[in-house]
Protein backbone atom coordinates (compact mmCIF):
# COMPACT_ATOMS: atom_id res chain seq x y z
CA MET A 1 20.32 23.83 5.07
CA THR A 2 17.85 22.58 7.69
CA ALA A 3 18.35 19.63 10.05
CA ILE A 4 15.67 17.63 8.18
CA GLN A 5 17.45 18.19 4.86
CA LEU A 6 20.74 17.07 6.41
CA LYS A 7 19.10 13.89 7.73
CA ARG A 8 17.64 13.15 4.31
CA ILE A 9 20.98 13.68 2.59
CA SER A 10 22.78 11.47 5.12
CA ILE A 11 20.23 8.66 4.71
CA VAL A 12 20.36 8.80 0.93
CA THR A 13 24.18 8.90 1.01
CA THR A 14 24.26 5.84 3.28
CA ILE A 15 21.91 3.93 0.95
CA VAL A 16 24.01 4.83 -2.10
CA LEU A 17 27.23 3.75 -0.35
CA ILE A 18 25.72 0.40 0.65
CA PHE A 19 24.55 -0.21 -2.91
CA ALA A 20 27.96 0.79 -4.28
CA ALA A 21 29.79 -1.52 -1.88
CA THR A 22 27.40 -4.39 -2.67
CA TRP A 23 27.99 -4.23 -6.40
CA TYR A 24 31.66 -3.22 -6.33
CA PHE A 25 32.68 -6.12 -4.08
CA ASP A 26 30.17 -8.53 -5.72
CA LEU A 27 28.61 -9.23 -2.34
CA THR A 28 25.53 -10.74 -4.00
CA ASP A 29 27.75 -13.67 -5.06
CA TYR A 30 27.66 -14.77 -1.43
CA LEU A 31 23.85 -14.78 -1.43
CA THR A 32 23.52 -17.78 -3.71
CA LEU A 33 22.34 -21.29 -2.88
CA GLU A 34 25.52 -22.78 -4.35
CA TYR A 35 27.81 -20.71 -2.11
CA ILE A 36 25.78 -21.33 1.03
CA LYS A 37 25.53 -25.06 0.31
CA ALA A 38 29.32 -25.23 -0.17
CA LYS A 39 29.93 -23.41 3.12
CA GLN A 40 27.18 -25.21 5.02
CA ASP A 41 29.48 -27.18 7.34
CA ALA A 42 31.58 -24.12 8.17
CA PHE A 43 28.43 -22.09 8.94
CA ARG A 44 27.16 -24.82 11.24
CA ILE A 45 30.41 -24.86 13.21
CA LEU A 46 30.30 -21.07 13.60
CA TYR A 47 26.65 -21.25 14.63
CA ALA A 48 27.36 -23.91 17.24
CA GLU A 49 30.17 -21.81 18.73
CA ASN A 50 28.54 -18.36 18.52
CA SER A 51 24.77 -18.82 18.13
CA PHE A 52 23.73 -15.38 19.35
CA ILE A 53 26.30 -13.47 17.29
CA ILE A 54 25.56 -15.46 14.13
CA ILE A 55 21.78 -15.04 14.41
CA SER A 56 22.10 -11.34 15.26
CA SER A 57 24.41 -10.77 12.28
CA PHE A 58 22.04 -12.72 10.04
CA VAL A 59 19.06 -10.62 11.18
CA ILE A 60 20.91 -7.35 10.57
CA LEU A 61 22.03 -8.49 7.12
CA TYR A 62 18.50 -9.66 6.27
CA ILE A 63 17.06 -6.29 7.31
CA VAL A 64 19.56 -4.46 5.07
CA VAL A 65 18.88 -6.81 2.13
CA THR A 66 15.09 -6.40 2.36
CA ALA A 67 15.16 -2.68 3.15
CA LEU A 68 17.30 -1.95 0.09
CA SER A 69 15.72 -4.64 -2.13
CA ILE A 70 19.10 -6.31 -2.70
CA PRO A 71 18.67 -9.70 -4.44
CA GLY A 72 19.14 -12.61 -2.06
CA ALA A 73 16.35 -12.55 0.54
CA THR A 74 14.73 -15.74 -0.77
CA ILE A 75 18.06 -17.59 -0.76
CA MET A 76 18.77 -16.36 2.77
CA THR A 77 15.37 -17.65 3.88
CA LEU A 78 16.07 -21.10 2.44
CA ALA A 79 19.57 -21.12 3.92
CA ALA A 80 18.35 -20.13 7.37
CA GLY A 81 15.97 -23.08 7.44
CA GLY A 82 18.88 -25.44 6.89
CA LEU A 83 21.32 -23.70 9.24
CA PHE A 84 19.20 -22.61 12.19
CA GLY A 85 16.24 -24.98 12.15
CA PHE A 86 12.58 -24.19 11.54
CA TRP A 87 11.44 -22.20 14.58
CA THR A 88 14.56 -20.10 15.09
CA SER A 89 14.59 -19.22 11.39
CA LEU A 90 10.87 -18.48 11.28
CA ILE A 91 11.05 -16.03 14.19
CA ALA A 92 14.26 -14.35 13.02
CA ILE A 93 13.19 -13.94 9.39
CA SER A 94 9.63 -12.94 10.24
CA PHE A 95 10.82 -9.95 12.26
CA ALA A 96 13.81 -9.14 10.04
CA SER A 97 11.74 -9.10 6.84
CA THR A 98 9.02 -6.98 8.45
CA ILE A 99 11.51 -4.49 9.88
CA GLY A 100 13.27 -4.27 6.51
CA ALA A 101 9.99 -3.78 4.68
CA THR A 102 8.90 -1.08 7.13
CA LEU A 103 12.22 0.75 6.75
CA ALA A 104 11.78 0.69 2.97
CA CYS A 105 8.26 2.04 3.40
CA PHE A 106 9.55 4.77 5.73
CA VAL A 107 12.27 5.86 3.28
CA SER A 108 9.73 5.91 0.46
CA ARG A 109 7.32 8.05 2.48
CA TYR A 110 9.78 10.65 3.70
CA LEU A 111 12.58 10.68 1.13
CA LEU A 112 11.59 9.14 -2.21
CA ARG A 113 7.95 10.16 -2.60
CA ASP A 114 8.37 11.97 -5.94
CA TRP A 115 10.57 9.23 -7.42
CA VAL A 116 8.14 6.47 -6.36
CA GLN A 117 5.17 8.35 -7.82
CA ASN A 118 6.97 8.69 -11.15
CA MET A 119 8.14 5.08 -11.10
CA PHE A 120 4.88 3.35 -10.14
CA GLY A 121 2.23 5.86 -11.21
CA ASN A 122 -0.53 3.46 -12.36
CA LYS A 123 0.09 0.86 -9.65
CA ILE A 124 -0.07 3.53 -6.94
CA LYS A 125 -3.59 4.54 -7.94
CA ARG A 126 -4.80 0.94 -7.87
CA ILE A 127 -3.24 0.19 -4.47
CA ASP A 128 -4.36 3.50 -2.96
CA GLU A 129 -7.94 2.74 -4.02
CA GLY A 130 -7.62 -0.70 -2.45
CA ILE A 131 -6.37 0.79 0.82
CA LYS A 132 -9.23 3.31 0.92
CA LYS A 133 -11.78 0.56 0.21
CA GLU A 134 -10.49 -2.30 2.38
CA GLY A 135 -7.91 -0.68 4.64
CA ALA A 136 -5.32 -2.94 6.25
CA PHE A 137 -6.98 -6.04 4.80
CA TYR A 138 -5.85 -4.97 1.32
CA LEU A 139 -2.22 -4.96 2.48
CA PHE A 140 -2.79 -8.36 4.09
CA THR A 141 -4.01 -9.62 0.70
CA LEU A 142 -0.89 -8.29 -1.06
CA ARG A 143 1.36 -9.90 1.54
CA LEU A 144 -0.35 -13.27 1.48
CA VAL A 145 -0.65 -13.41 -2.32
CA PRO A 146 2.04 -11.05 -3.72
CA ILE A 147 0.41 -9.65 -6.85
CA PHE A 148 3.18 -7.05 -6.95
CA PRO A 149 6.89 -7.62 -6.23
CA PHE A 150 7.95 -7.37 -2.57
CA PHE A 151 10.05 -4.24 -3.08
CA ALA A 152 7.29 -2.50 -5.07
CA ILE A 153 4.75 -3.02 -2.27
CA ASN A 154 7.18 -1.51 0.25
CA LEU A 155 7.80 1.57 -1.87
CA ILE A 156 4.23 2.14 -3.03
CA MET A 157 2.76 1.74 0.45
CA GLY A 158 5.07 4.50 1.57
CA ILE A 159 3.01 7.12 -0.22
CA THR A 160 -0.39 5.82 0.88
CA SER A 161 -2.19 6.97 4.02
CA LEU A 162 -1.65 3.67 5.85
CA PRO A 163 0.09 4.26 9.24
CA LEU A 164 3.54 2.66 9.57
CA ARG A 165 2.55 0.78 12.75
CA THR A 166 -0.37 -0.80 10.87
CA TYR A 167 1.93 -1.54 7.96
CA PHE A 168 4.30 -3.34 10.34
CA TRP A 169 1.88 -5.68 12.09
CA VAL A 170 -0.16 -6.48 8.96
CA SER A 171 3.03 -7.28 7.05
CA GLN A 172 4.20 -9.42 9.97
CA ILE A 173 1.04 -11.54 9.88
CA GLY A 174 0.59 -11.55 6.11
CA MET A 175 4.14 -12.69 5.31
CA LEU A 176 4.30 -15.32 8.07
CA PRO A 177 2.69 -18.26 6.15
CA GLY A 178 4.91 -17.75 3.10
CA THR A 179 7.99 -17.42 5.31
CA ALA A 180 7.11 -20.69 7.05
CA VAL A 181 6.79 -22.51 3.71
CA TYR A 182 10.19 -21.26 2.48
CA VAL A 183 11.95 -21.93 5.79
CA ASN A 184 10.60 -25.47 5.81
CA ALA A 185 11.76 -26.00 2.22
CA GLY A 186 15.21 -24.73 3.17
CA LYS A 187 15.35 -27.12 6.10
CA GLN A 188 14.65 -30.02 3.74
CA LEU A 189 17.14 -28.79 1.13
CA ALA A 190 19.90 -28.88 3.71
CA THR A 191 19.37 -32.63 4.22
CA ILE A 192 19.60 -33.50 0.51
CA ASN A 193 23.00 -34.93 -0.36
CA ASP A 194 21.96 -37.19 -3.21
CA VAL A 195 19.37 -37.05 -6.00
CA SER A 196 17.54 -40.02 -4.49
CA ASP A 197 16.98 -38.04 -1.28
CA VAL A 198 14.56 -35.77 -3.15
CA LEU A 199 12.10 -38.67 -3.49
CA GLN A 200 11.62 -38.97 0.27
CA PRO A 201 8.01 -38.11 1.23
CA VAL A 202 8.96 -35.28 3.60
CA HIS A 203 10.93 -33.56 0.84
CA LEU A 204 8.24 -34.06 -1.78
CA ILE A 205 5.59 -32.58 0.53
CA SER A 206 7.78 -29.57 1.38
CA PHE A 207 8.51 -28.75 -2.25
CA ALA A 208 4.88 -29.34 -3.21
CA LEU A 209 3.83 -26.79 -0.58
CA LEU A 210 6.30 -24.35 -2.09
CA GLY A 211 4.57 -24.70 -5.46
CA ILE A 212 0.92 -24.71 -4.39
CA PHE A 213 1.17 -22.12 -1.61
CA PRO A 214 -0.10 -19.22 -3.80
CA LEU A 215 -3.19 -21.29 -4.67
CA LEU A 216 -3.80 -22.20 -1.03
CA ALA A 217 -3.39 -18.54 -0.06
CA LYS A 218 -6.03 -17.48 -2.59
CA TYR A 219 -8.54 -19.96 -1.15
CA LEU A 220 -7.72 -18.75 2.35
CA LEU A 221 -8.38 -15.15 1.29
CA LYS A 222 -11.72 -16.12 -0.24
CA PHE A 223 -12.70 -17.81 3.02
CA ILE A 224 -11.63 -14.78 5.09
CA ARG A 225 -13.59 -12.44 2.79
CA LYS A 226 -16.74 -14.55 3.13
CA VAL A 227 -16.43 -14.53 6.92
CA LYS A 228 -15.79 -10.78 6.84
CA GLU A 229 -18.81 -10.08 4.62
CA SER A 230 -21.14 -12.36 6.60
CA GLY A 231 -20.05 -10.74 9.83
């Protein structure tokens, strides 16, 4: 058995063990809005006492969740907005989600190529044609307006010809607006203690942005395409 085969087996084994532990210990129960809201005060005390450790742990957990497509990334994004504030959360989640997505892409490219091709056959052809036609801009489009699920994009992109470094920085930029919208919504959710609080203008605007963001993103893409074509 070669060194490359041993590395592949060890990576796959690690992934399987993480999945097994997640489901066996019901770890996804802790990635719910109800649980985080109930523990909000305790989290804030821990964060005040050990900011660096808490943020570092959060980033590592977020990377694992996104890399393995474990349910809970959206809830973690909302929770971070309420616990860490807007800018700290935006920076931490932006890099954590991009690193996690790139790791998933890497695993797909070097370990799961055959499985991904069998799983997403028709979608792969469509995305590969888009990459050949528009290059990195096609990935930017998928990130800004997610036509396909987040995990599917990560896996499918792994078997395209797009370089991983390009995948990283395009994903970083493309996911940033959506991350900002969700972080802001989470920040507002953390301040709601009564039903009447929802009617405050700042909350209404934040939740409205959450709903209309896909539409705004589509108009932004149209504008970028026009500028690109005219240039």
